[in-house]
Amino acid sequence: IFIASSRTLKTAIVTGRPKEEAIEGTQYIGARNTLVISDNDVEFSKPN
C-alpha cells in the first residue's frame, strides 16, 4: 500500500497525534510516500 502502489494509489495518515508523534509513528511502521496530517496540521480535530 505505502510503497509498491504509491504511484497509482495515494495514501494519507490522518491522526489526532501531535506532529512529532505522528511522524515518529509513521517512521516506526515504515510507511513512506504518504501524507501525514496530524492534530497540529488542522484547525479542527476529528470528528471534523
All heavy atoms as atom14 arrays in JSON, in Angstrom:
{
  "sequence": "IFIASSRTLKTAIVTGRPKEEAIEGTQYIGARNTLVISDNDVEFSKPN",
  "atom14_mask": [
    [1, 1, 1, 1, 1, 1, 1, 1, 0, 0, 0, 0, 0, 0],
    [1, 1, 1, 1, 1, 1, 1, 1, 1, 1, 1, 0, 0, 0],
    [1, 1, 1, 1, 1, 1, 1, 1, 0, 0, 0, 0, 0, 0],
    [1, 1, 1, 1, 1, 0, 0, 0, 0, 0, 0, 0, 0, 0],
    [1, 1, 1, 1, 1, 1, 0, 0, 0, 0, 0, 0, 0, 0],
    [1, 1, 1, 1, 1, 1, 0, 0, 0, 0, 0, 0, 0, 0],
    [1, 1, 1, 1, 1, 1, 1, 1, 1, 1, 1, 0, 0, 0],
    [1, 1, 1, 1, 1, 1, 1, 0, 0, 0, 0, 0, 0, 0],
    [1, 1, 1, 1, 1, 1, 1, 1, 0, 0, 0, 0, 0, 0],
    [1, 1, 1, 1, 1, 1, 1, 1, 1, 0, 0, 0, 0, 0],
    [1, 1, 1, 1, 1, 1, 1, 0, 0, 0, 0, 0, 0, 0],
    [1, 1, 1, 1, 1, 0, 0, 0, 0, 0, 0, 0, 0, 0],
    [1, 1, 1, 1, 1, 1, 1, 1, 0, 0, 0, 0, 0, 0],
    [1, 1, 1, 1, 1, 1, 1, 0, 0, 0, 0, 0, 0, 0],
    [1, 1, 1, 1, 1, 1, 1, 0, 0, 0, 0, 0, 0, 0],
    [1, 1, 1, 1, 0, 0, 0, 0, 0, 0, 0, 0, 0, 0],
    [1, 1, 1, 1, 1, 1, 1, 1, 1, 1, 1, 0, 0, 0],
    [1, 1, 1, 1, 1, 1, 1, 0, 0, 0, 0, 0, 0, 0],
    [1, 1, 1, 1, 1, 1, 1, 1, 1, 0, 0, 0, 0, 0],
    [1, 1, 1, 1, 1, 1, 1, 1, 1, 0, 0, 0, 0, 0],
    [1, 1, 1, 1, 1, 1, 1, 1, 1, 0, 0, 0, 0, 0],
    [1, 1, 1, 1, 1, 0, 0, 0, 0, 0, 0, 0, 0, 0],
    [1, 1, 1, 1, 1, 1, 1, 1, 0, 0, 0, 0, 0, 0],
    [1, 1, 1, 1, 1, 1, 1, 1, 1, 0, 0, 0, 0, 0],
    [1, 1, 1, 1, 0, 0, 0, 0, 0, 0, 0, 0, 0, 0],
    [1, 1, 1, 1, 1, 1, 1, 0, 0, 0, 0, 0, 0, 0],
    [1, 1, 1, 1, 1, 1, 1, 1, 1, 0, 0, 0, 0, 0],
    [1, 1, 1, 1, 1, 1, 1, 1, 1, 1, 1, 1, 0, 0],
    [1, 1, 1, 1, 1, 1, 1, 1, 0, 0, 0, 0, 0, 0],
    [1, 1, 1, 1, 0, 0, 0, 0, 0, 0, 0, 0, 0, 0],
    [1, 1, 1, 1, 1, 0, 0, 0, 0, 0, 0, 0, 0, 0],
    [1, 1, 1, 1, 1, 1, 1, 1, 1, 1, 1, 0, 0, 0],
    [1, 1, 1, 1, 1, 1, 1, 1, 0, 0, 0, 0, 0, 0],
    [1, 1, 1, 1, 1, 1, 1, 0, 0, 0, 0, 0, 0, 0],
    [1, 1, 1, 1, 1, 1, 1, 1, 0, 0, 0, 0, 0, 0],
    [1, 1, 1, 1, 1, 1, 1, 0, 0, 0, 0, 0, 0, 0],
    [1, 1, 1, 1, 1, 1, 1, 1, 0, 0, 0, 0, 0, 0],
    [1, 1, 1, 1, 1, 1, 0, 0, 0, 0, 0, 0, 0, 0],
    [1, 1, 1, 1, 1, 1, 1, 1, 0, 0, 0, 0, 0, 0],
    [1, 1, 1, 1, 1, 1, 1, 1, 0, 0, 0, 0, 0, 0],
    [1, 1, 1, 1, 1, 1, 1, 1, 0, 0, 0, 0, 0, 0],
    [1, 1, 1, 1, 1, 1, 1, 0, 0, 0, 0, 0, 0, 0],
    [1, 1, 1, 1, 1, 1, 1, 1, 1, 0, 0, 0, 0, 0],
    [1, 1, 1, 1, 1, 1, 1, 1, 1, 1, 1, 0, 0, 0],
    [1, 1, 1, 1, 1, 1, 0, 0, 0, 0, 0, 0, 0, 0],
    [1, 1, 1, 1, 1, 1, 1, 1, 1, 0, 0, 0, 0, 0],
    [1, 1, 1, 1, 1, 1, 1, 0, 0, 0, 0, 0, 0, 0],
    [1, 1, 1, 1, 1, 1, 1, 1, 0, 0, 0, 0, 0, 0]
  ],
  "atom14_positions": [
    [[0.82, -1.22, 0.0], [0.0, 0.0, 0.0], [0.85, 1.27, 0.0], [0.62, 2.19, -0.79], [-0.96, -0.01, 1.21], [-2.07, -1.04, 0.99], [-1.56, 1.38, 1.42], [-3.04, -1.17, 2.14], [0.0, 0.0, 0.0], [0.0, 0.0, 0.0], [0.0, 0.0, 0.0], [0.0, 0.0, 0.0], [0.0, 0.0, 0.0], [0.0, 0.0, 0.0]],
    [[1.84, 1.32, 0.9], [2.57, 2.58, 1.09], [3.8, 2.73, 0.19], [4.37, 3.81, 0.12], [3.0, 2.71, 2.56], [1.87, 3.02, 3.49], [1.28, 2.03, 4.25], [1.36, 4.31, 3.6], [0.23, 2.31, 5.12], [0.32, 4.6, 4.46], [-0.25, 3.6, 5.22], [0.0, 0.0, 0.0], [0.0, 0.0, 0.0], [0.0, 0.0, 0.0]],
    [[4.21, 1.65, -0.46], [5.43, 1.74, -1.27], [5.18, 1.29, -2.71], [5.28, 2.08, -3.64], [6.58, 0.94, -0.62], [6.88, 1.52, 0.78], [7.84, 1.0, -1.48], [7.76, 0.69, 1.66], [0.0, 0.0, 0.0], [0.0, 0.0, 0.0], [0.0, 0.0, 0.0], [0.0, 0.0, 0.0], [0.0, 0.0, 0.0], [0.0, 0.0, 0.0]],
    [[4.8, 0.02, -2.89], [4.68, -0.52, -4.26], [3.59, 0.16, -5.08], [3.77, 0.39, -6.28], [4.44, -2.02, -4.19], [0.0, 0.0, 0.0], [0.0, 0.0, 0.0], [0.0, 0.0, 0.0], [0.0, 0.0, 0.0], [0.0, 0.0, 0.0], [0.0, 0.0, 0.0], [0.0, 0.0, 0.0], [0.0, 0.0, 0.0], [0.0, 0.0, 0.0]],
    [[2.47, 0.48, -4.46], [1.33, 1.04, -5.2], [1.23, 2.56, -5.1], [0.23, 3.14, -5.52], [0.01, 0.42, -4.69], [0.03, -0.97, -4.82], [0.0, 0.0, 0.0], [0.0, 0.0, 0.0], [0.0, 0.0, 0.0], [0.0, 0.0, 0.0], [0.0, 0.0, 0.0], [0.0, 0.0, 0.0], [0.0, 0.0, 0.0], [0.0, 0.0, 0.0]],
    [[2.26, 3.2, -4.55], [2.13, 4.62, -4.19], [1.98, 5.55, -5.39], [1.53, 6.68, -5.24], [3.33, 5.05, -3.33], [4.54, 4.89, -4.05], [0.0, 0.0, 0.0], [0.0, 0.0, 0.0], [0.0, 0.0, 0.0], [0.0, 0.0, 0.0], [0.0, 0.0, 0.0], [0.0, 0.0, 0.0], [0.0, 0.0, 0.0], [0.0, 0.0, 0.0]],
    [[2.35, 5.09, -6.58], [2.19, 5.96, -7.76], [0.74, 6.04, -8.22], [0.29, 7.06, -8.72], [3.07, 5.46, -8.91], [4.54, 5.74, -8.71], [5.34, 5.41, -9.96], [6.74, 5.76, -9.8], [7.66, 5.59, -10.74], [7.32, 5.09, -11.91], [8.92, 5.92, -10.52], [0.0, 0.0, 0.0], [0.0, 0.0, 0.0], [0.0, 0.0, 0.0]],
    [[0.04, 4.93, -8.05], [-1.34, 4.89, -8.54], [-2.39, 5.02, -7.44], [-3.49, 5.51, -7.67], [-1.59, 3.56, -9.28], [-1.23, 2.48, -8.43], [-0.76, 3.49, -10.55], [0.0, 0.0, 0.0], [0.0, 0.0, 0.0], [0.0, 0.0, 0.0], [0.0, 0.0, 0.0], [0.0, 0.0, 0.0], [0.0, 0.0, 0.0], [0.0, 0.0, 0.0]],
    [[-2.04, 4.59, -6.22], [-2.98, 4.65, -5.1], [-2.37, 5.53, -4.01], [-1.38, 5.18, -3.39], [-3.23, 3.24, -4.54], [-4.26, 3.12, -3.42], [-5.63, 3.61, -3.87], [-4.36, 1.67, -2.93], [0.0, 0.0, 0.0], [0.0, 0.0, 0.0], [0.0, 0.0, 0.0], [0.0, 0.0, 0.0], [0.0, 0.0, 0.0], [0.0, 0.0, 0.0]],
    [[-2.95, 6.7, -3.82], [-2.39, 7.66, -2.87], [-2.85, 7.32, -1.45], [-3.93, 6.75, -1.24], [-2.83, 9.08, -3.24], [-2.39, 9.5, -4.64], [-0.89, 9.35, -4.83], [-0.45, 9.74, -6.23], [1.0, 9.47, -6.43], [0.0, 0.0, 0.0], [0.0, 0.0, 0.0], [0.0, 0.0, 0.0], [0.0, 0.0, 0.0], [0.0, 0.0, 0.0]],
    [[-2.04, 7.71, -0.48], [-2.36, 7.43, 0.93], [-2.11, 8.65, 1.79], [-1.3, 9.52, 1.47], [-1.5, 6.27, 1.48], [-0.12, 6.63, 1.43], [-1.74, 4.97, 0.72], [0.0, 0.0, 0.0], [0.0, 0.0, 0.0], [0.0, 0.0, 0.0], [0.0, 0.0, 0.0], [0.0, 0.0, 0.0], [0.0, 0.0, 0.0], [0.0, 0.0, 0.0]],
    [[-2.85, 8.68, 2.9], [-2.63, 9.71, 3.93], [-2.88, 9.1, 5.29], [-3.69, 8.18, 5.43], [-3.57, 10.9, 3.7], [0.0, 0.0, 0.0], [0.0, 0.0, 0.0], [0.0, 0.0, 0.0], [0.0, 0.0, 0.0], [0.0, 0.0, 0.0], [0.0, 0.0, 0.0], [0.0, 0.0, 0.0], [0.0, 0.0, 0.0], [0.0, 0.0, 0.0]],
    [[-2.15, 9.57, 6.27], [-2.4, 9.2, 7.66], [-2.99, 10.43, 8.33], [-2.34, 11.48, 8.41], [-1.11, 8.75, 8.35], [-0.59, 7.45, 7.7], [-1.34, 8.55, 9.84], [0.77, 6.99, 8.19], [0.0, 0.0, 0.0], [0.0, 0.0, 0.0], [0.0, 0.0, 0.0], [0.0, 0.0, 0.0], [0.0, 0.0, 0.0], [0.0, 0.0, 0.0]],
    [[-4.24, 10.3, 8.76], [-4.96, 11.42, 9.37], [-5.16, 11.06, 10.84], [-6.01, 10.24, 11.18], [-6.31, 11.67, 8.67], [-7.01, 12.88, 9.28], [-6.11, 11.87, 7.17], [0.0, 0.0, 0.0], [0.0, 0.0, 0.0], [0.0, 0.0, 0.0], [0.0, 0.0, 0.0], [0.0, 0.0, 0.0], [0.0, 0.0, 0.0], [0.0, 0.0, 0.0]],
    [[-4.37, 11.67, 11.7], [-4.3, 11.23, 13.09], [-4.49, 12.38, 14.07], [-4.17, 13.53, 13.75], [-2.93, 10.54, 13.37], [-2.8, 10.24, 14.76], [-1.77, 11.43, 12.95], [0.0, 0.0, 0.0], [0.0, 0.0, 0.0], [0.0, 0.0, 0.0], [0.0, 0.0, 0.0], [0.0, 0.0, 0.0], [0.0, 0.0, 0.0], [0.0, 0.0, 0.0]],
    [[-4.97, 12.04, 15.24], [-5.1, 13.02, 16.31], [-3.81, 13.22, 17.08], [-3.75, 14.01, 18.02], [0.0, 0.0, 0.0], [0.0, 0.0, 0.0], [0.0, 0.0, 0.0], [0.0, 0.0, 0.0], [0.0, 0.0, 0.0], [0.0, 0.0, 0.0], [0.0, 0.0, 0.0], [0.0, 0.0, 0.0], [0.0, 0.0, 0.0], [0.0, 0.0, 0.0]],
    [[-2.75, 12.52, 16.68], [-1.46, 12.7, 17.36], [-0.89, 14.08, 17.08], [-1.11, 14.65, 16.0], [-0.44, 11.68, 16.84], [-0.63, 10.26, 17.3], [0.59, 9.42, 16.93], [0.46, 8.05, 17.39], [1.49, 7.24, 17.61], [2.72, 7.67, 17.4], [1.3, 6.0, 18.02], [0.0, 0.0, 0.0], [0.0, 0.0, 0.0], [0.0, 0.0, 0.0]],
    [[-0.08, 14.62, 18.03], [0.69, 15.82, 17.7], [1.71, 15.5, 16.61], [2.05, 14.33, 16.4], [1.37, 16.19, 19.03], [1.3, 14.96, 19.87], [0.12, 14.19, 19.42], [0.0, 0.0, 0.0], [0.0, 0.0, 0.0], [0.0, 0.0, 0.0], [0.0, 0.0, 0.0], [0.0, 0.0, 0.0], [0.0, 0.0, 0.0], [0.0, 0.0, 0.0]],
    [[2.2, 16.51, 15.93], [3.03, 16.33, 14.73], [4.22, 15.4, 14.96], [4.45, 14.46, 14.2], [3.51, 17.69, 14.23], [4.21, 17.65, 12.88], [3.24, 17.4, 11.76], [3.87, 17.56, 10.39], [2.9, 17.37, 9.3], [0.0, 0.0, 0.0], [0.0, 0.0, 0.0], [0.0, 0.0, 0.0], [0.0, 0.0, 0.0], [0.0, 0.0, 0.0]],
    [[4.99, 15.67, 15.99], [6.21, 14.91, 16.23], [5.9, 13.42, 16.42], [6.59, 12.56, 15.88], [6.93, 15.46, 17.47], [8.27, 14.81, 17.74], [8.96, 15.41, 18.95], [8.93, 16.65, 19.11], [9.54, 14.64, 19.74], [0.0, 0.0, 0.0], [0.0, 0.0, 0.0], [0.0, 0.0, 0.0], [0.0, 0.0, 0.0], [0.0, 0.0, 0.0]],
    [[4.84, 13.13, 17.17], [4.49, 11.73, 17.44], [3.86, 11.08, 16.21], [3.98, 9.86, 16.01], [3.57, 11.64, 18.65], [4.3, 11.97, 19.94], [3.38, 12.14, 21.15], [2.23, 11.64, 21.1], [3.81, 12.78, 22.12], [0.0, 0.0, 0.0], [0.0, 0.0, 0.0], [0.0, 0.0, 0.0], [0.0, 0.0, 0.0], [0.0, 0.0, 0.0]],
    [[3.2, 11.86, 15.37], [2.65, 11.33, 14.12], [3.78, 10.91, 13.19], [3.73, 9.84, 12.56], [1.78, 12.38, 13.44], [0.0, 0.0, 0.0], [0.0, 0.0, 0.0], [0.0, 0.0, 0.0], [0.0, 0.0, 0.0], [0.0, 0.0, 0.0], [0.0, 0.0, 0.0], [0.0, 0.0, 0.0], [0.0, 0.0, 0.0], [0.0, 0.0, 0.0]],
    [[4.82, 11.73, 13.11], [5.98, 11.41, 12.27], [6.72, 10.2, 12.84], [7.12, 9.29, 12.1], [6.91, 12.63, 12.14], [6.2, 13.72, 11.32], [8.23, 12.24, 11.49], [6.91, 15.05, 11.32], [0.0, 0.0, 0.0], [0.0, 0.0, 0.0], [0.0, 0.0, 0.0], [0.0, 0.0, 0.0], [0.0, 0.0, 0.0], [0.0, 0.0, 0.0]],
    [[6.89, 10.17, 14.17], [7.54, 9.02, 14.81], [6.81, 7.72, 14.49], [7.43, 6.71, 14.17], [7.56, 9.21, 16.34], [8.66, 10.11, 16.85], [8.63, 10.24, 18.38], [7.69, 9.7, 19.01], [9.56, 10.85, 18.92], [0.0, 0.0, 0.0], [0.0, 0.0, 0.0], [0.0, 0.0, 0.0], [0.0, 0.0, 0.0], [0.0, 0.0, 0.0]],
    [[5.48, 7.76, 14.58], [4.68, 6.57, 14.31], [4.79, 6.12, 12.86], [4.89, 4.93, 12.57], [0.0, 0.0, 0.0], [0.0, 0.0, 0.0], [0.0, 0.0, 0.0], [0.0, 0.0, 0.0], [0.0, 0.0, 0.0], [0.0, 0.0, 0.0], [0.0, 0.0, 0.0], [0.0, 0.0, 0.0], [0.0, 0.0, 0.0], [0.0, 0.0, 0.0]],
    [[4.79, 7.09, 11.95], [4.91, 6.78, 10.52], [6.25, 6.12, 10.23], [6.33, 5.13, 9.49], [4.75, 8.06, 9.69], [3.5, 8.68, 10.01], [4.79, 7.77, 8.2], [0.0, 0.0, 0.0], [0.0, 0.0, 0.0], [0.0, 0.0, 0.0], [0.0, 0.0, 0.0], [0.0, 0.0, 0.0], [0.0, 0.0, 0.0], [0.0, 0.0, 0.0]],
    [[7.3, 6.66, 10.82], [8.64, 6.09, 10.62], [8.75, 4.72, 11.27], [9.38, 3.8, 10.72], [9.7, 7.03, 11.2], [9.84, 8.34, 10.43], [10.73, 9.35, 11.12], [11.0, 9.25, 12.33], [11.21, 10.32, 10.37], [0.0, 0.0, 0.0], [0.0, 0.0, 0.0], [0.0, 0.0, 0.0], [0.0, 0.0, 0.0], [0.0, 0.0, 0.0]],
    [[8.11, 4.55, 12.42], [8.18, 3.29, 13.15], [7.6, 2.13, 12.33], [8.2, 1.05, 12.26], [7.44, 3.4, 14.49], [7.25, 2.07, 15.18], [8.33, 1.41, 15.74], [5.99, 1.47, 15.23], [8.16, 0.17, 16.35], [5.82, 0.24, 15.83], [6.9, -0.4, 16.39], [6.74, -1.64, 16.98], [0.0, 0.0, 0.0], [0.0, 0.0, 0.0]],
    [[6.45, 2.37, 11.68], [5.85, 1.27, 10.91], [6.47, 1.14, 9.52], [6.24, 0.14, 8.83], [4.32, 1.43, 10.78], [3.94, 2.72, 10.04], [3.65, 1.36, 12.14], [2.46, 2.84, 9.74], [0.0, 0.0, 0.0], [0.0, 0.0, 0.0], [0.0, 0.0, 0.0], [0.0, 0.0, 0.0], [0.0, 0.0, 0.0], [0.0, 0.0, 0.0]],
    [[7.27, 2.12, 9.12], [7.94, 2.04, 7.82], [7.11, 2.52, 6.66], [7.38, 2.16, 5.5], [0.0, 0.0, 0.0], [0.0, 0.0, 0.0], [0.0, 0.0, 0.0], [0.0, 0.0, 0.0], [0.0, 0.0, 0.0], [0.0, 0.0, 0.0], [0.0, 0.0, 0.0], [0.0, 0.0, 0.0], [0.0, 0.0, 0.0], [0.0, 0.0, 0.0]],
    [[6.09, 3.34, 6.92], [5.27, 3.87, 5.83], [6.02, 5.01, 5.14], [6.6, 5.87, 5.79], [3.95, 4.38, 6.37], [0.0, 0.0, 0.0], [0.0, 0.0, 0.0], [0.0, 0.0, 0.0], [0.0, 0.0, 0.0], [0.0, 0.0, 0.0], [0.0, 0.0, 0.0], [0.0, 0.0, 0.0], [0.0, 0.0, 0.0], [0.0, 0.0, 0.0]],
    [[6.01, 4.98, 3.79], [6.67, 6.03, 3.02], [5.7, 6.57, 1.96], [4.63, 6.0, 1.74], [7.93, 5.49, 2.34], [8.96, 4.95, 3.32], [10.38, 5.01, 2.75], [10.53, 4.27, 1.5], [10.93, 3.0, 1.44], [11.19, 2.34, 2.56], [11.07, 2.4, 0.28], [0.0, 0.0, 0.0], [0.0, 0.0, 0.0], [0.0, 0.0, 0.0]],
    [[6.1, 7.63, 1.32], [5.31, 8.21, 0.21], [3.88, 8.52, 0.64], [2.94, 8.36, -0.15], [5.28, 7.24, -0.98], [6.65, 6.75, -1.38], [7.59, 7.53, -1.43], [6.78, 5.46, -1.65], [0.0, 0.0, 0.0], [0.0, 0.0, 0.0], [0.0, 0.0, 0.0], [0.0, 0.0, 0.0], [0.0, 0.0, 0.0], [0.0, 0.0, 0.0]],
    [[3.71, 8.95, 1.88], [2.36, 9.21, 2.37], [2.28, 10.6, 2.99], [3.27, 11.11, 3.52], [1.93, 8.14, 3.39], [0.54, 8.25, 3.66], [2.7, 8.26, 4.71], [0.0, 0.0, 0.0], [0.0, 0.0, 0.0], [0.0, 0.0, 0.0], [0.0, 0.0, 0.0], [0.0, 0.0, 0.0], [0.0, 0.0, 0.0], [0.0, 0.0, 0.0]],
    [[1.11, 11.2, 2.9], [0.86, 12.5, 3.52], [0.48, 12.27, 4.98], [-0.4, 11.46, 5.27], [-0.27, 13.21, 2.78], [-0.76, 14.54, 3.36], [0.32, 15.61, 3.23], [-2.04, 14.98, 2.65], [0.0, 0.0, 0.0], [0.0, 0.0, 0.0], [0.0, 0.0, 0.0], [0.0, 0.0, 0.0], [0.0, 0.0, 0.0], [0.0, 0.0, 0.0]],
    [[1.14, 12.95, 5.89], [0.82, 12.84, 7.32], [0.13, 14.11, 7.77], [0.69, 15.2, 7.69], [2.09, 12.6, 8.16], [1.73, 12.51, 9.65], [2.8, 11.32, 7.72], [0.0, 0.0, 0.0], [0.0, 0.0, 0.0], [0.0, 0.0, 0.0], [0.0, 0.0, 0.0], [0.0, 0.0, 0.0], [0.0, 0.0, 0.0], [0.0, 0.0, 0.0]],
    [[-1.11, 13.96, 8.22], [-1.88, 15.11, 8.73], [-2.12, 14.86, 10.21], [-2.89, 13.97, 10.6], [-3.21, 15.27, 7.98], [-2.95, 15.55, 6.49], [-4.04, 16.41, 8.59], [-4.19, 15.66, 5.64], [0.0, 0.0, 0.0], [0.0, 0.0, 0.0], [0.0, 0.0, 0.0], [0.0, 0.0, 0.0], [0.0, 0.0, 0.0], [0.0, 0.0, 0.0]],
    [[-1.42, 15.63, 11.04], [-1.51, 15.49, 12.49], [-2.51, 16.49, 13.06], [-3.08, 17.31, 12.32], [-0.14, 15.73, 13.12], [0.17, 17.12, 13.07], [0.0, 0.0, 0.0], [0.0, 0.0, 0.0], [0.0, 0.0, 0.0], [0.0, 0.0, 0.0], [0.0, 0.0, 0.0], [0.0, 0.0, 0.0], [0.0, 0.0, 0.0], [0.0, 0.0, 0.0]],
    [[-2.68, 16.45, 14.36], [-3.6, 17.39, 15.0], [-3.08, 18.82, 14.91], [-3.85, 19.77, 15.01], [-3.8, 16.98, 16.48], [-5.23, 17.25, 16.94], [-6.16, 17.03, 16.15], [-5.41, 17.68, 18.1], [0.0, 0.0, 0.0], [0.0, 0.0, 0.0], [0.0, 0.0, 0.0], [0.0, 0.0, 0.0], [0.0, 0.0, 0.0], [0.0, 0.0, 0.0]],
    [[-1.76, 18.97, 14.72], [-1.18, 20.31, 14.58], [-1.41, 20.9, 13.19], [-1.17, 22.09, 12.97], [0.32, 20.28, 14.86], [0.64, 19.91, 16.29], [1.22, 18.86, 16.55], [0.22, 20.73, 17.25], [0.0, 0.0, 0.0], [0.0, 0.0, 0.0], [0.0, 0.0, 0.0], [0.0, 0.0, 0.0], [0.0, 0.0, 0.0], [0.0, 0.0, 0.0]],
    [[-1.84, 20.05, 12.26], [-1.99, 20.49, 10.87], [-3.41, 20.92, 10.52], [-3.69, 21.29, 9.38], [-1.57, 19.37, 9.91], [-0.11, 18.99, 10.09], [0.73, 19.9, 10.19], [0.19, 17.77, 10.16], [0.0, 0.0, 0.0], [0.0, 0.0, 0.0], [0.0, 0.0, 0.0], [0.0, 0.0, 0.0], [0.0, 0.0, 0.0], [0.0, 0.0, 0.0]],
    [[-4.31, 20.82, 11.5], [-5.7, 21.2, 11.25], [-6.16, 22.21, 12.3], [-5.63, 22.26, 13.41], [-6.64, 19.97, 11.28], [-6.34, 19.04, 10.12], [-6.56, 19.23, 12.6], [0.0, 0.0, 0.0], [0.0, 0.0, 0.0], [0.0, 0.0, 0.0], [0.0, 0.0, 0.0], [0.0, 0.0, 0.0], [0.0, 0.0, 0.0], [0.0, 0.0, 0.0]],
    [[-7.14, 22.98, 11.91], [-7.73, 23.91, 12.87], [-8.74, 23.19, 13.74], [-8.89, 23.47, 14.94], [-8.41, 25.07, 12.12], [-8.94, 26.16, 13.04], [-9.53, 27.34, 12.26], [-9.42, 27.38, 11.02], [-10.11, 28.23, 12.93], [0.0, 0.0, 0.0], [0.0, 0.0, 0.0], [0.0, 0.0, 0.0], [0.0, 0.0, 0.0], [0.0, 0.0, 0.0]],
    [[-9.44, 22.21, 13.14], [-10.47, 21.45, 13.85], [-10.15, 19.96, 13.8], [-9.98, 19.39, 12.73], [-11.85, 21.71, 13.24], [-12.25, 23.17, 13.25], [-12.22, 23.91, 12.09], [-12.65, 23.78, 14.43], [-12.57, 25.25, 12.09], [-13.01, 25.12, 14.44], [-12.96, 25.86, 13.28], [0.0, 0.0, 0.0], [0.0, 0.0, 0.0], [0.0, 0.0, 0.0]],
    [[-10.08, 19.34, 14.98], [-9.77, 17.92, 15.09], [-10.97, 17.08, 14.66], [-12.09, 17.56, 14.58], [-9.42, 17.58, 16.54], [-8.39, 18.42, 17.03], [0.0, 0.0, 0.0], [0.0, 0.0, 0.0], [0.0, 0.0, 0.0], [0.0, 0.0, 0.0], [0.0, 0.0, 0.0], [0.0, 0.0, 0.0], [0.0, 0.0, 0.0], [0.0, 0.0, 0.0]],
    [[-10.71, 15.78, 14.4], [-11.83, 14.85, 14.21], [-12.7, 14.9, 15.46], [-12.17, 15.05, 16.55], [-11.28, 13.43, 14.01], [-10.53, 13.24, 12.68], [-10.04, 11.82, 12.49], [-8.82, 11.51, 13.31], [-8.21, 10.19, 13.02], [0.0, 0.0, 0.0], [0.0, 0.0, 0.0], [0.0, 0.0, 0.0], [0.0, 0.0, 0.0], [0.0, 0.0, 0.0]],
    [[-14.03, 14.87, 15.32], [-14.84, 14.39, 14.19], [-15.0, 15.36, 13.03], [-15.68, 15.03, 12.07], [-16.2, 14.12, 14.84], [-16.28, 15.08, 15.98], [-14.87, 15.17, 16.5], [0.0, 0.0, 0.0], [0.0, 0.0, 0.0], [0.0, 0.0, 0.0], [0.0, 0.0, 0.0], [0.0, 0.0, 0.0], [0.0, 0.0, 0.0], [0.0, 0.0, 0.0]],
    [[-14.41, 16.55, 13.11], [-14.47, 17.47, 11.97], [-13.75, 16.82, 10.79], [-12.7, 16.21, 10.97], [-13.81, 18.8, 12.36], [-14.05, 19.87, 11.34], [-13.45, 19.87, 10.27], [-14.91, 20.82, 11.65], [0.0, 0.0, 0.0], [0.0, 0.0, 0.0], [0.0, 0.0, 0.0], [0.0, 0.0, 0.0], [0.0, 0.0, 0.0], [0.0, 0.0, 0.0]]
  ]
}
